[in-house]
C-alpha atoms as a PDB file:
ATOM      1  CA  MET A   1      -0.254  36.595 -32.403  1.00  0.00           C
ATOM      2  CA  THR A   2       3.896  35.920 -30.630  1.00  0.00           C
ATOM      3  CA  MET A   3       2.551  37.335 -27.472  1.00  0.00           C
ATOM      4  CA  ILE A   4       0.050  34.799 -28.068  1.00  0.00           C
ATOM      5  CA  ARG A   5       2.726  32.177 -28.751  1.00  0.00           C
ATOM      6  CA  ASN A   6       4.132  32.954 -25.541  1.00  0.00           C
ATOM      7  CA  THR A   7       1.724  32.230 -23.204  1.00  0.00           C
ATOM      8  CA  LEU A   8       0.783  29.363 -25.041  1.00  0.00           C
ATOM      9  CA  LEU A   9       4.111  27.658 -24.865  1.00  0.00           C
ATOM     10  CA  GLY A  10       4.471  29.246 -21.257  1.00  0.00           C
ATOM     11  CA  ALA A  11       1.215  27.114 -20.171  1.00  0.00           C
ATOM     12  CA  THR A  12       2.068  24.164 -22.008  1.00  0.00           C
ATOM     13  CA  LEU A  13       5.677  24.259 -20.273  1.00  0.00           C
ATOM     14  CA  CYS A  14       4.150  24.604 -16.994  1.00  0.00           C
ATOM     15  CA  SER A  15       1.342  21.904 -17.885  1.00  0.00           C
ATOM     16  CA  ALA A  16       3.852  19.212 -18.426  1.00  0.00           C
ATOM     17  CA  LEU A  17       6.510  20.433 -14.897  1.00  0.00           C
ATOM     18  CA  ALA A  18       3.750  20.380 -12.752  1.00  0.00           C
ATOM     19  CA  THR A  19       2.397  16.993 -13.854  1.00  0.00           C
ATOM     20  CA  THR A  20       5.734  16.096 -13.601  1.00  0.00           C
ATOM     21  CA  ALA A  21       5.895  16.601 -10.541  1.00  0.00           C
ATOM     22  CA  PHE A  22       2.803  15.498  -9.566  1.00  0.00           C
ATOM     23  CA  ALA A  23       4.560  11.996 -10.545  1.00  0.00           C
ATOM     24  CA  ASP A  24       7.174  12.559  -8.235  1.00  0.00           C
ATOM     25  CA  GLU A  25       4.433  12.997  -5.056  1.00  0.00           C
ATOM     26  CA  ALA A  26       2.915  10.040  -6.512  1.00  0.00           C
ATOM     27  CA  SER A  27       6.439   7.690  -6.040  1.00  0.00           C
ATOM     28  CA  LYS A  28       5.889   6.589  -3.156  1.00  0.00           C
ATOM     29  CA  LEU A  29       2.181   4.496  -1.387  1.00  0.00           C
ATOM     30  CA  VAL A  30       1.219   3.814   2.395  1.00  0.00           C
ATOM     31  CA  THR A  31      -1.461   1.270   2.674  1.00  0.00           C
ATOM     32  CA  VAL A  32      -3.043   1.100   5.660  1.00  0.00           C
ATOM     33  CA  VAL A  33      -5.694  -2.451   5.649  1.00  0.00           C
ATOM     34  CA  THR A  34      -7.547  -2.202   9.012  1.00  0.00           C
ATOM     35  CA  SER A  35     -10.780  -3.845   7.950  1.00  0.00           C
ATOM     36  CA  ASP A  36     -12.335  -7.403   8.160  1.00  0.00           C
ATOM     37  CA  ASN A  37     -13.695  -7.518   5.492  1.00  0.00           C
ATOM     38  CA  ALA A  38     -12.446  -9.973   2.500  1.00  0.00           C
ATOM     39  CA  GLN A  39     -13.348  -8.194  -0.358  1.00  0.00           C
ATOM     40  CA  THR A  40     -12.485  -4.522   1.439  1.00  0.00           C
ATOM     41  CA  GLN A  41      -9.023  -6.642   1.857  1.00  0.00           C
ATOM     42  CA  LEU A  42      -8.809  -7.431  -1.737  1.00  0.00           C
ATOM     43  CA  MET A  43      -9.187  -4.045  -3.324  1.00  0.00           C
ATOM     44  CA  ALA A  44      -6.737  -2.844  -1.298  1.00  0.00           C
ATOM     45  CA  MET A  45      -4.174  -4.757  -2.695  1.00  0.00           C
ATOM     46  CA  VAL A  46      -5.058  -4.530  -6.223  1.00  0.00           C
ATOM     47  CA  LEU A  47      -5.346  -0.933  -6.292  1.00  0.00           C
ATOM     48  CA  THR A  48      -2.078  -1.339  -4.784  1.00  0.00           C
ATOM     49  CA  THR A  49      -0.653  -3.155  -7.269  1.00  0.00           C
ATOM     50  CA  GLN A  50      -2.143  -1.303  -9.620  1.00  0.00           C
ATOM     51  CA  ALA A  51      -0.319   1.595  -7.973  1.00  0.00           C
ATOM     52  CA  VAL A  52       3.090  -0.195  -7.984  1.00  0.00           C
ATOM     53  CA  GLY A  53       2.063  -1.575 -11.527  1.00  0.00           C
ATOM     54  CA  GLN A  54       2.298   2.433 -12.178  1.00  0.00           C
ATOM     55  CA  GLY A  55       5.786   2.800 -10.379  1.00  0.00           C
ATOM     56  CA  ALA A  56       4.623   2.897  -6.768  1.00  0.00           C
ATOM     57  CA  ASP A  57       7.154   2.329  -4.045  1.00  0.00           C
ATOM     58  CA  ALA A  58       4.259   0.227  -2.021  1.00  0.00           C
ATOM     59  CA  HIS A  59       4.752   0.337   1.944  1.00  0.00           C
ATOM     60  CA  ILE A  60       1.768  -1.785   4.057  1.00  0.00           C
ATOM     61  CA  LEU A  61       0.776  -1.281   7.427  1.00  0.00           C
ATOM     62  CA  LEU A  62      -1.934  -3.965   9.054  1.00  0.00           C
ATOM     63  CA  CYS A  63      -3.364  -3.605  12.017  1.00  0.00           C
ATOM     64  CA  GLY A  64      -6.057  -5.093  13.928  1.00  0.00           C
ATOM     65  CA  PRO A  65      -8.315  -7.694  12.185  1.00  0.00           C
ATOM     66  CA  GLY A  66      -6.210  -6.578   8.707  1.00  0.00           C
ATOM     67  CA  GLY A  67      -2.992  -7.748  10.455  1.00  0.00           C
ATOM     68  CA  ASP A  68      -4.630 -11.874  10.023  1.00  0.00           C
ATOM     69  CA  LEU A  69      -3.488 -10.722   6.526  1.00  0.00           C
ATOM     70  CA  ALA A  70       0.124 -11.602   7.392  1.00  0.00           C
ATOM     71  CA  LEU A  71      -0.709 -14.802   9.794  1.00  0.00           C
ATOM     72  CA  ILE A  72       1.061 -18.347   8.863  1.00  0.00           C
ATOM     73  CA  ASN A  73      -2.187 -19.561   9.906  1.00  0.00           C
ATOM     74  CA  ALA A  74      -4.333 -16.647   8.359  1.00  0.00           C
ATOM     75  CA  PRO A  75      -8.252 -17.107   8.395  1.00  0.00           C
ATOM     76  CA  GLU A  76      -9.452 -18.858   5.448  1.00  0.00           C
ATOM     77  CA  SER A  77     -11.430 -15.345   4.531  1.00  0.00           C
ATOM     78  CA  ALA A  78      -7.599 -14.086   4.013  1.00  0.00           C
ATOM     79  CA  THR A  79      -6.575 -17.273   1.517  1.00  0.00           C
ATOM     80  CA  ALA A  80     -10.080 -17.789  -0.194  1.00  0.00           C
ATOM     81  CA  GLY A  81     -10.226 -17.180  -3.351  1.00  0.00           C
ATOM     82  CA  GLN A  82     -12.599 -14.269  -4.619  1.00  0.00           C
ATOM     83  CA  PRO A  83     -14.191 -13.626  -7.813  1.00  0.00           C
ATOM     84  CA  PRO A  84     -13.750 -12.683 -10.853  1.00  0.00           C
ATOM     85  CA  ARG A  85     -10.381 -13.996 -10.791  1.00  0.00           C
ATOM     86  CA  ASP A  86     -10.060 -16.932  -7.260  1.00  0.00           C
ATOM     87  CA  ALA A  87      -7.437 -14.247  -6.180  1.00  0.00           C
ATOM     88  CA  SER A  88      -7.351 -13.465  -2.204  1.00  0.00           C
ATOM     89  CA  PRO A  89      -6.052 -10.853  -0.180  1.00  0.00           C
ATOM     90  CA  GLN A  90      -3.718 -12.955   1.299  1.00  0.00           C
ATOM     91  CA  GLY A  91      -2.199 -14.369  -2.209  1.00  0.00           C
ATOM     92  CA  MET A  92      -2.169 -11.043  -3.353  1.00  0.00           C
ATOM     93  CA  LEU A  93      -0.447  -9.272  -0.035  1.00  0.00           C
ATOM     94  CA  GLN A  94       2.549 -12.041  -1.112  1.00  0.00           C
ATOM     95  CA  THR A  95       2.638 -11.096  -4.554  1.00  0.00           C
ATOM     96  CA  LEU A  96       2.856  -7.505  -3.595  1.00  0.00           C
ATOM     97  CA  MET A  97       5.988  -8.853  -1.239  1.00  0.00           C
ATOM     98  CA  ALA A  98       7.716 -10.796  -4.230  1.00  0.00           C
ATOM     99  CA  ASN A  99       7.894  -7.209  -6.051  1.00  0.00           C
ATOM    100  CA  GLY A 100       9.502  -4.937  -3.430  1.00  0.00           C
ATOM    101  CA  ALA A 101       6.761  -3.853  -1.155  1.00  0.00           C
ATOM    102  CA  THR A 102       7.127  -3.773   2.786  1.00  0.00           C
ATOM    103  CA  VAL A 103       4.735  -5.029   4.656  1.00  0.00           C
ATOM    104  CA  GLU A 104       4.461  -4.266   8.295  1.00  0.00           C
ATOM    105  CA  VAL A 105       1.615  -5.271  11.369  1.00  0.00           C
ATOM    106  CA  CYS A 106       1.401  -2.542  13.711  1.00  0.00           C
ATOM    107  CA  ALA A 107       3.134  -2.804  16.721  1.00  0.00           C
ATOM    108  CA  ILE A 108       0.284  -3.633  18.863  1.00  0.00           C
ATOM    109  CA  TYR A 109      -0.824  -6.351  16.931  1.00  0.00           C
ATOM    110  CA  LEU A 110       1.210  -9.041  18.145  1.00  0.00           C
ATOM    111  CA  PRO A 111       0.809  -8.355  21.686  1.00  0.00           C
ATOM    112  CA  GLY A 112      -3.004  -8.354  21.135  1.00  0.00           C
ATOM    113  CA  LEU A 113      -3.199 -11.643  20.005  1.00  0.00           C
ATOM    114  CA  GLY A 114      -0.438 -13.229  22.735  1.00  0.00           C
ATOM    115  CA  ALA A 115       1.960 -13.572  19.997  1.00  0.00           C
ATOM    116  CA  ASP A 116       5.492 -12.593  18.547  1.00  0.00           C
ATOM    117  CA  ALA A 117       6.713 -12.629  15.298  1.00  0.00           C
ATOM    118  CA  SER A 118       7.382 -16.448  14.525  1.00  0.00           C
ATOM    119  CA  VAL A 119       3.287 -16.209  13.622  1.00  0.00           C
ATOM    120  CA  LEU A 120       3.897 -14.211  10.948  1.00  0.00           C
ATOM    121  CA  LEU A 121       4.297 -14.934   6.972  1.00  0.00           C
ATOM    122  CA  GLU A 122       8.342 -14.838   6.008  1.00  0.00           C
ATOM    123  CA  GLY A 123       8.888 -10.813   4.718  1.00  0.00           C
ATOM    124  CA  VAL A 124       7.141  -9.682   7.210  1.00  0.00           C
ATOM    125  CA  GLY A 125       7.995  -7.187   9.936  1.00  0.00           C
ATOM    126  CA  VAL A 126       6.544  -4.938  12.965  1.00  0.00           C
ATOM    127  CA  ALA A 127       6.509  -1.698  11.643  1.00  0.00           C
ATOM    128  CA  GLN A 128       8.062   0.781  14.949  1.00  0.00           C
ATOM    129  CA  PRO A 129       5.896   3.703  15.623  1.00  0.00           C
ATOM    130  CA  PRO A 130       8.633   6.700  14.328  1.00  0.00           C
ATOM    131  CA  ALA A 131       8.705   4.777  11.271  1.00  0.00           C
ATOM    132  CA  MET A 132       5.680   4.700   9.933  1.00  0.00           C
ATOM    133  CA  ALA A 133       4.523   8.296  10.973  1.00  0.00           C
ATOM    134  CA  GLY A 134       8.127   9.509   9.261  1.00  0.00           C
ATOM    135  CA  ALA A 135       6.586   7.787   6.558  1.00  0.00           C
ATOM    136  CA  MET A 136       2.956   8.335   6.986  1.00  0.00           C
ATOM    137  CA  MET A 137       3.598  11.987   6.944  1.00  0.00           C
ATOM    138  CA  ASP A 138       6.651  12.262   3.739  1.00  0.00           C
ATOM    139  CA  MET A 139       4.447  15.116   1.646  1.00  0.00           C
ATOM    140  CA  ALA A 140       5.558  12.653  -1.134  1.00  0.00           C
ATOM    141  CA  ALA A 141       3.671   9.745  -0.497  1.00  0.00           C
ATOM    142  CA  ARG A 142       0.153   8.966  -0.465  1.00  0.00           C
ATOM    143  CA  VAL A 143      -1.791   7.419   2.190  1.00  0.00           C
ATOM    144  CA  TRP A 144      -4.700   5.167   1.490  1.00  0.00           C
ATOM    145  CA  SER A 145      -7.145   2.957   4.408  1.00  0.00           C
ATOM    146  CA  PHE A 146      -8.867   0.275   3.751  1.00  0.00           C
END
């Protein structure tokens, strides 16, 4: 009986430690948005918001058409409210930024537009490839791509 109790106790302890380690590993999130689809962009922001609410430190990388979310003069698809809560991708992006998320456009996004950082929302940066690669390779980070 003592052996069974010790085995169960050991299994419970291992399970608790594994859960704690898993929670620690999931504390960083890199969300990459490349889609031009407004619903996909919005879902990326919804899921990232949920992750932040569960304790994740969010870093959002916007590339290609996804970079348009960061523009002061963003396309209507980025700013129009969508059902069911009339939220927009850019509006949720700004809420994430207000809650501490780091938001950057890809290093080649602005040169591709023939523009500079003055066209971006306040607080949006330009990703530096070495730092972004490091964030994505961080063993404690999860990378979501939309």
